[in-house]
Amino acid sequence: MKNKIIGVWIIRIIISLLFFVSAYAKVYHDPSAYFSITTFEAKQLVPLGFSAEIAAYLSRILIALEFSIGLLILLPFYLKRIVIPFTVLILGVFCFHLAIQIYLTGNAGNCGCFGTLLPMTPFEAILKNIFAIGLLVILNNLVPTDNSKKIDIFYGFLIYFIFLIGIMLYIPIKNSDKLIFDLNEFTSENQIEATGPIQVKSEFSESLPFADNGKVLLCFFAPGCDHCRAAVKSIDSLSKIVIDFPKVEIVFMEEEVEKIPEFFEYAGSEYNYIILDISKFYDILTWERDTPGIFYMWNGNIIKEFNGTNENAFNSQELLEAFKLNK
């Protein structure tokens, strides 16, 4: 009997920790809670068809739910009849979502289940969820029949609303359309070149009209990102040795903006830049891509594209070859 009780509590604690860590990771303050939750929205919710505005609310609803499950699994309120079955359902929905993610983008990169705190591929996350479902099935067979009172349901909802209100206050929803700098200040004169490819409207033209003006190296960076700094330093070095180097235009996400002077000091030169709210930043870059995002463009045509830190990562030699092929 004693071993059974110990086993029950070990499972409850493991499940509780999984949900608490998952919820905390999505508001992890590296570099800020707002960055973490907005990245979760852009990478996990928007791809499912939710608008950025709805995703902002849904992310907070889900994170509050994870915090609540982490606590409720340790409490005696309707554990067998409601909490365990509901938790299994939630994990099943997460598995379905991860399967869609694998279908759309493959089993690459961080699935976002544990944010940047504990990077995990979508398939690894599915295995983790299946393991948790297995533990919950065992737990359901071990715990006795519920003796909860109707008032206990109220306590469960109260716990959830406390977490939800806390998250809403801790990370308030911002206006996703906010521009920190007026784009018109950075829109250069038309530089269409007759010798270049036929002028087209790029995917960036509506939000970043300067992207279609002649030769442009359009860069999507985070000021505190080490990979972004390495990329811009390589770009700066190339600009000093390549004749007719494209104009460099940088789009920063609104995160650690106080590091922008340090960013340019490391690069060796300063370049035109704008700053966008994180949600707007990912709207333009698109959720399939990641920072550093670098696009060599000519009259709106994307000649060469780099993004993220994996197989599509920035490579200075490949960029040089793109320059040579499109003279």
Protein backbone atom coordinates (compact mmCIF):
# COMPACT_ATOMS: atom_id res chain seq x y z
CA MET A 1 0.00 0.00 0.00
CA LYS A 2 2.82 2.36 0.92
CA ASN A 3 4.63 1.65 -2.37
CA LYS A 4 1.40 2.34 -4.27
CA ILE A 5 1.02 5.74 -2.60
CA ILE A 6 4.66 6.58 -3.35
CA GLY A 7 4.19 5.54 -6.99
CA VAL A 8 1.06 7.68 -7.33
CA TRP A 9 2.85 10.74 -6.01
CA ILE A 10 5.92 10.18 -8.17
CA ILE A 11 3.70 10.14 -11.29
CA ARG A 12 1.73 13.19 -10.15
CA ILE A 13 4.91 15.15 -9.49
CA ILE A 14 6.43 14.19 -12.89
CA ILE A 15 3.27 15.27 -14.76
CA SER A 16 3.05 18.44 -12.71
CA LEU A 17 6.67 19.36 -13.49
CA LEU A 18 6.14 18.70 -17.22
CA PHE A 19 3.26 21.19 -17.35
CA PHE A 20 4.87 23.78 -15.08
CA VAL A 21 8.12 23.72 -17.07
CA SER A 22 6.25 23.84 -20.39
CA ALA A 23 4.20 26.84 -19.26
CA TYR A 24 7.17 28.66 -17.73
CA ALA A 25 9.31 28.08 -20.83
CA LYS A 26 6.75 29.92 -22.98
CA VAL A 27 7.13 33.04 -20.82
CA TYR A 28 10.83 32.52 -20.14
CA HIS A 29 12.62 35.85 -19.82
CA ASP A 30 15.40 35.17 -22.34
CA PRO A 31 15.68 37.79 -23.65
CA SER A 32 12.19 38.69 -22.37
CA ALA A 33 8.85 37.09 -21.54
CA TYR A 34 7.18 39.05 -24.35
CA PHE A 35 9.70 37.72 -26.87
CA SER A 36 9.14 34.13 -25.70
CA ILE A 37 5.35 34.26 -25.82
CA THR A 38 5.25 36.11 -29.16
CA THR A 39 7.66 33.61 -30.71
CA PHE A 40 5.36 30.82 -29.48
CA GLU A 41 2.43 32.56 -31.14
CA ALA A 42 4.26 33.15 -34.43
CA LYS A 43 5.77 29.68 -34.65
CA GLN A 44 3.01 27.51 -33.18
CA LEU A 45 -0.38 29.23 -33.42
CA VAL A 46 -0.32 31.44 -36.52
CA PRO A 47 0.69 28.45 -38.73
CA LEU A 48 -2.56 26.75 -37.64
CA GLY A 49 -4.56 29.54 -39.25
CA PHE A 50 -5.10 31.85 -36.28
CA SER A 51 -4.62 35.58 -36.85
CA ALA A 52 -1.90 37.33 -34.86
CA GLU A 53 -4.58 39.05 -32.72
CA ILE A 54 -6.37 35.80 -31.84
CA ALA A 55 -3.04 34.01 -31.30
CA ALA A 56 -2.08 36.63 -28.70
CA TYR A 57 -5.13 35.75 -26.60
CA LEU A 58 -4.98 32.02 -27.30
CA SER A 59 -1.35 31.77 -26.20
CA ARG A 60 -2.17 33.24 -22.80
CA ILE A 61 -5.23 30.99 -22.46
CA LEU A 62 -3.11 27.90 -23.20
CA ILE A 63 -0.25 28.88 -20.92
CA ALA A 64 -2.66 29.57 -18.04
CA LEU A 65 -4.17 26.13 -18.74
CA GLU A 66 -0.75 24.48 -18.51
CA PHE A 67 0.01 26.21 -15.22
CA SER A 68 -3.42 25.16 -13.90
CA ILE A 69 -2.98 21.51 -14.86
CA GLY A 70 0.44 21.52 -13.22
CA LEU A 71 -1.21 22.53 -9.95
CA LEU A 72 -4.50 20.61 -10.23
CA ILE A 73 -2.73 17.29 -10.84
CA LEU A 74 -1.36 17.63 -7.30
CA LEU A 75 -4.76 18.45 -5.75
CA PRO A 76 -7.62 16.03 -4.95
CA PHE A 77 -10.28 17.95 -6.91
CA TYR A 78 -11.99 15.51 -9.34
CA LEU A 79 -8.62 13.95 -10.13
CA LYS A 80 -9.94 10.70 -11.61
CA ARG A 81 -13.14 11.94 -13.27
CA ILE A 82 -11.99 15.27 -14.75
CA VAL A 83 -8.33 16.27 -14.29
CA ILE A 84 -6.65 13.08 -15.57
CA PRO A 85 -8.97 12.57 -18.61
CA PHE A 86 -8.77 16.27 -19.50
CA THR A 87 -4.96 16.22 -19.26
CA VAL A 88 -4.82 13.18 -21.56
CA LEU A 89 -7.06 15.05 -24.02
CA ILE A 90 -4.80 18.13 -23.95
CA LEU A 91 -1.70 16.01 -24.56
CA GLY A 92 -3.49 14.28 -27.44
CA VAL A 93 -4.32 17.66 -29.01
CA PHE A 94 -0.67 18.71 -28.63
CA CYS A 95 0.42 15.49 -30.40
CA PHE A 96 -1.99 16.23 -33.25
CA HIS A 97 -0.65 19.78 -33.53
CA LEU A 98 2.95 18.52 -33.59
CA ALA A 99 2.08 15.99 -36.27
CA ILE A 100 0.71 18.84 -38.41
CA GLN A 101 3.91 20.79 -37.78
CA ILE A 102 6.02 17.83 -38.94
CA TYR A 103 3.84 17.49 -42.05
CA LEU A 104 4.14 21.20 -42.91
CA THR A 105 7.78 21.91 -42.09
CA GLY A 106 9.41 18.59 -41.26
CA ASN A 107 10.98 17.43 -38.04
CA ALA A 108 13.44 20.32 -37.86
CA GLY A 109 14.14 23.07 -35.40
CA ASN A 110 12.67 23.72 -31.99
CA CYS A 111 8.99 22.76 -31.65
CA GLY A 112 8.50 25.43 -28.98
CA CYS A 113 6.91 23.13 -26.38
CA PHE A 114 9.55 24.17 -23.89
CA GLY A 115 10.37 27.46 -25.63
CA THR A 116 14.06 28.28 -25.81
CA LEU A 117 14.57 26.89 -22.31
CA LEU A 118 14.71 23.26 -23.50
CA PRO A 119 14.86 23.02 -27.32
CA MET A 120 13.09 19.92 -28.63
CA THR A 121 12.18 18.68 -32.12
CA PRO A 122 8.49 18.03 -32.85
CA PHE A 123 9.02 14.25 -32.89
CA GLU A 124 10.82 14.35 -29.54
CA ALA A 125 7.90 16.35 -28.15
CA ILE A 126 5.42 13.75 -29.43
CA LEU A 127 7.41 11.00 -27.68
CA LYS A 128 7.41 13.09 -24.50
CA ASN A 129 3.63 13.52 -24.68
CA ILE A 130 3.05 9.80 -25.34
CA PHE A 131 5.21 9.01 -22.30
CA ALA A 132 3.13 11.42 -20.20
CA ILE A 133 -0.14 9.90 -21.48
CA GLY A 134 1.16 6.47 -20.47
CA LEU A 135 1.92 7.72 -16.96
CA LEU A 136 -1.55 9.25 -16.71
CA VAL A 137 -3.22 5.99 -17.71
CA ILE A 138 -1.27 4.21 -14.97
CA LEU A 139 -2.17 6.98 -12.52
CA ASN A 140 -5.85 6.69 -13.39
CA ASN A 141 -5.75 2.98 -12.51
CA LEU A 142 -3.98 3.61 -9.21
CA VAL A 143 -5.96 6.48 -7.71
CA PRO A 144 -9.18 5.72 -5.80
CA THR A 145 -12.66 6.85 -6.86
CA ASP A 146 -13.26 10.58 -6.49
CA ASN A 147 -14.99 11.86 -3.39
CA SER A 148 -14.95 15.46 -4.57
CA LYS A 149 -17.81 17.83 -3.85
CA LYS A 150 -19.46 20.08 -6.44
CA ILE A 151 -17.82 23.13 -4.86
CA ASP A 152 -14.44 21.67 -5.85
CA ILE A 153 -15.17 22.38 -9.52
CA PHE A 154 -15.40 26.05 -8.59
CA TYR A 155 -11.94 25.85 -7.01
CA GLY A 156 -10.55 24.40 -10.25
CA PHE A 157 -11.97 27.26 -12.34
CA LEU A 158 -10.76 29.76 -9.74
CA ILE A 159 -7.20 28.43 -10.01
CA TYR A 160 -7.36 28.74 -13.79
CA PHE A 161 -8.67 32.32 -13.77
CA ILE A 162 -6.02 33.38 -11.27
CA PHE A 163 -3.29 32.09 -13.60
CA LEU A 164 -4.98 33.66 -16.65
CA ILE A 165 -5.33 37.09 -15.03
CA GLY A 166 -1.75 36.86 -13.75
CA ILE A 167 -0.38 36.19 -17.24
CA MET A 168 -2.51 38.95 -18.79
CA LEU A 169 -1.11 41.40 -16.25
CA TYR A 170 2.47 40.11 -16.48
CA ILE A 171 2.57 40.10 -20.31
CA PRO A 172 -0.11 42.49 -21.60
CA ILE A 173 -1.12 42.18 -25.24
CA LYS A 174 0.47 44.83 -27.44
CA ASN A 175 -0.64 46.29 -30.73
CA SER A 176 0.89 43.93 -33.29
CA ASP A 177 0.80 46.58 -36.04
CA LYS A 178 3.07 49.00 -34.23
CA LEU A 179 6.03 50.38 -36.17
CA ILE A 180 8.77 51.88 -34.06
CA PHE A 181 10.11 53.94 -36.95
CA ASP A 182 8.20 55.36 -39.88
CA LEU A 183 8.97 53.28 -42.97
CA ASN A 184 8.85 56.39 -45.14
CA GLU A 185 11.99 57.66 -43.45
CA PHE A 186 13.88 54.70 -44.84
CA THR A 187 12.31 54.35 -48.26
CA SER A 188 15.08 55.19 -50.70
CA GLU A 189 14.61 56.47 -54.22
CA ASN A 190 13.79 54.05 -57.00
CA GLN A 191 16.97 52.27 -58.06
CA ILE A 192 15.61 49.97 -60.77
CA GLU A 193 18.44 48.99 -63.09
CA ALA A 194 17.81 48.35 -66.78
CA THR A 195 20.53 45.69 -66.84
CA GLY A 196 18.98 43.73 -63.99
CA PRO A 197 16.12 41.25 -63.95
CA ILE A 198 12.58 42.37 -64.80
CA GLN A 199 11.03 44.46 -62.04
CA VAL A 200 8.58 42.50 -59.88
CA LYS A 201 6.75 43.02 -56.62
CA SER A 202 8.33 40.90 -53.94
CA GLU A 203 6.57 39.34 -50.97
CA PHE A 204 7.99 42.20 -48.87
CA SER A 205 6.87 45.06 -51.11
CA GLU A 206 3.68 45.94 -49.27
CA SER A 207 5.30 46.30 -45.85
CA LEU A 208 8.87 47.13 -46.93
CA PRO A 209 8.65 49.03 -50.23
CA PHE A 210 12.38 49.79 -50.25
CA ALA A 211 13.06 46.04 -50.63
CA ASP A 212 12.20 46.22 -54.35
CA ASN A 213 14.49 49.14 -55.19
CA GLY A 214 17.43 47.85 -57.20
CA LYS A 215 20.02 45.67 -55.50
CA VAL A 216 19.22 45.21 -51.81
CA LEU A 217 20.52 42.94 -49.09
CA LEU A 218 17.45 42.74 -46.85
CA CYS A 219 18.33 41.48 -43.38
CA PHE A 220 16.00 40.40 -40.57
CA PHE A 221 17.92 40.51 -37.30
CA ALA A 222 17.48 40.46 -33.53
CA PRO A 223 19.90 42.94 -31.91
CA GLY A 224 21.03 40.48 -29.23
CA CYS A 225 21.33 37.45 -31.53
CA ASP A 226 24.92 36.15 -31.79
CA HIS A 227 24.23 34.51 -35.17
CA CYS A 228 22.84 37.81 -36.48
CA ARG A 229 25.95 39.63 -35.30
CA ALA A 230 28.22 37.10 -36.98
CA ALA A 231 26.24 37.45 -40.21
CA VAL A 232 26.33 41.25 -40.28
CA LYS A 233 30.06 41.26 -39.56
CA SER A 234 30.62 38.97 -42.57
CA ILE A 235 28.36 41.21 -44.67
CA ASP A 236 30.31 44.28 -43.60
CA SER A 237 33.59 42.60 -44.53
CA LEU A 238 32.23 41.63 -47.96
CA SER A 239 30.97 45.16 -48.57
CA LYS A 240 34.56 46.42 -48.38
CA ILE A 241 35.90 44.07 -51.05
CA VAL A 242 32.95 43.56 -53.46
CA ILE A 243 32.42 46.18 -56.14
CA ASP A 244 28.80 47.36 -56.55
CA PHE A 245 27.79 45.78 -53.24
CA PRO A 246 23.98 45.85 -52.67
CA LYS A 247 22.48 48.39 -50.30
CA VAL A 248 22.05 46.83 -46.87
CA GLU A 249 18.65 47.36 -45.23
CA ILE A 250 18.09 45.89 -41.76
CA VAL A 251 14.79 45.04 -40.09
CA PHE A 252 15.21 44.58 -36.34
CA MET A 253 12.65 42.94 -34.11
CA GLU A 254 11.62 45.00 -31.10
CA GLU A 255 13.68 43.07 -28.59
CA GLU A 256 16.78 44.30 -26.74
CA VAL A 257 16.76 47.42 -28.92
CA GLU A 258 19.20 49.05 -26.51
CA LYS A 259 21.82 46.70 -28.01
CA ILE A 260 21.53 48.17 -31.52
CA PRO A 261 24.50 50.56 -31.08
CA GLU A 262 26.57 47.63 -29.78
CA PHE A 263 25.34 45.55 -32.74
CA PHE A 264 26.67 48.09 -35.26
CA GLU A 265 29.88 48.58 -33.30
CA TYR A 266 30.50 44.84 -33.60
CA ALA A 267 29.59 44.91 -37.31
CA GLY A 268 32.09 47.66 -38.07
CA SER A 269 29.62 49.92 -39.91
CA GLU A 270 26.13 51.33 -39.48
CA TYR A 271 23.31 50.59 -41.90
CA ASN A 272 19.75 51.80 -42.49
CA TYR A 273 17.35 50.03 -40.18
CA ILE A 274 13.81 49.93 -38.89
CA ILE A 275 12.39 48.25 -35.81
CA LEU A 276 9.19 46.22 -35.87
CA ASP A 277 7.08 44.74 -33.13
CA ILE A 278 7.93 41.04 -32.80
CA SER A 279 4.56 39.90 -34.12
CA LYS A 280 4.76 42.23 -37.14
CA PHE A 281 8.36 41.16 -37.68
CA TYR A 282 7.32 37.51 -38.03
CA ASP A 283 4.32 38.47 -40.15
CA ILE A 284 6.73 39.87 -42.73
CA LEU A 285 9.55 37.35 -42.38
CA THR A 286 6.91 34.54 -42.25
CA TRP A 287 6.66 31.87 -39.59
CA GLU A 288 8.47 29.25 -41.68
CA ARG A 289 11.68 31.30 -41.51
CA ASP A 290 13.86 32.34 -38.61
CA THR A 291 16.60 34.81 -37.76
CA PRO A 292 19.01 35.66 -39.14
CA GLY A 293 17.00 36.09 -42.33
CA ILE A 294 19.02 37.50 -45.23
CA PHE A 295 17.71 38.08 -48.77
CA TYR A 296 19.79 39.24 -51.73
CA MET A 297 17.24 41.00 -53.94
CA TRP A 298 17.38 42.73 -57.31
CA ASN A 299 14.40 44.72 -58.56
CA GLY A 300 12.14 42.71 -56.26
CA ASN A 301 13.51 39.32 -57.33
CA ILE A 302 14.91 37.16 -54.53
CA ILE A 303 18.23 35.98 -55.95
CA LYS A 304 19.52 34.25 -52.82
CA GLU A 305 17.91 33.53 -49.47
CA PHE A 306 19.31 32.53 -46.08
CA ASN A 307 17.44 32.01 -42.83
CA GLY A 308 17.90 30.38 -39.45
CA THR A 309 20.95 28.54 -38.18
CA ASN A 310 20.53 25.11 -39.80
CA GLU A 311 20.81 24.01 -43.44
CA ASN A 312 19.67 27.42 -44.75
CA ALA A 313 22.05 29.41 -42.54
CA PHE A 314 23.92 32.40 -43.93
CA ASN A 315 27.06 31.53 -45.88
CA SER A 316 29.27 34.33 -47.15
CA GLN A 317 30.78 32.17 -49.91
CA GLU A 318 27.33 31.29 -51.26
CA LEU A 319 26.39 34.97 -51.23
CA LEU A 320 29.54 35.81 -53.21
CA GLU A 321 28.66 33.16 -55.77
CA ALA A 322 25.16 34.68 -56.07
CA PHE A 323 26.75 38.07 -56.79
CA LYS A 324 28.93 36.55 -59.54
CA LEU A 325 26.07 34.65 -61.18
CA ASN A 326 23.85 37.72 -61.37
CA LYS A 327 26.13 40.43 -62.64
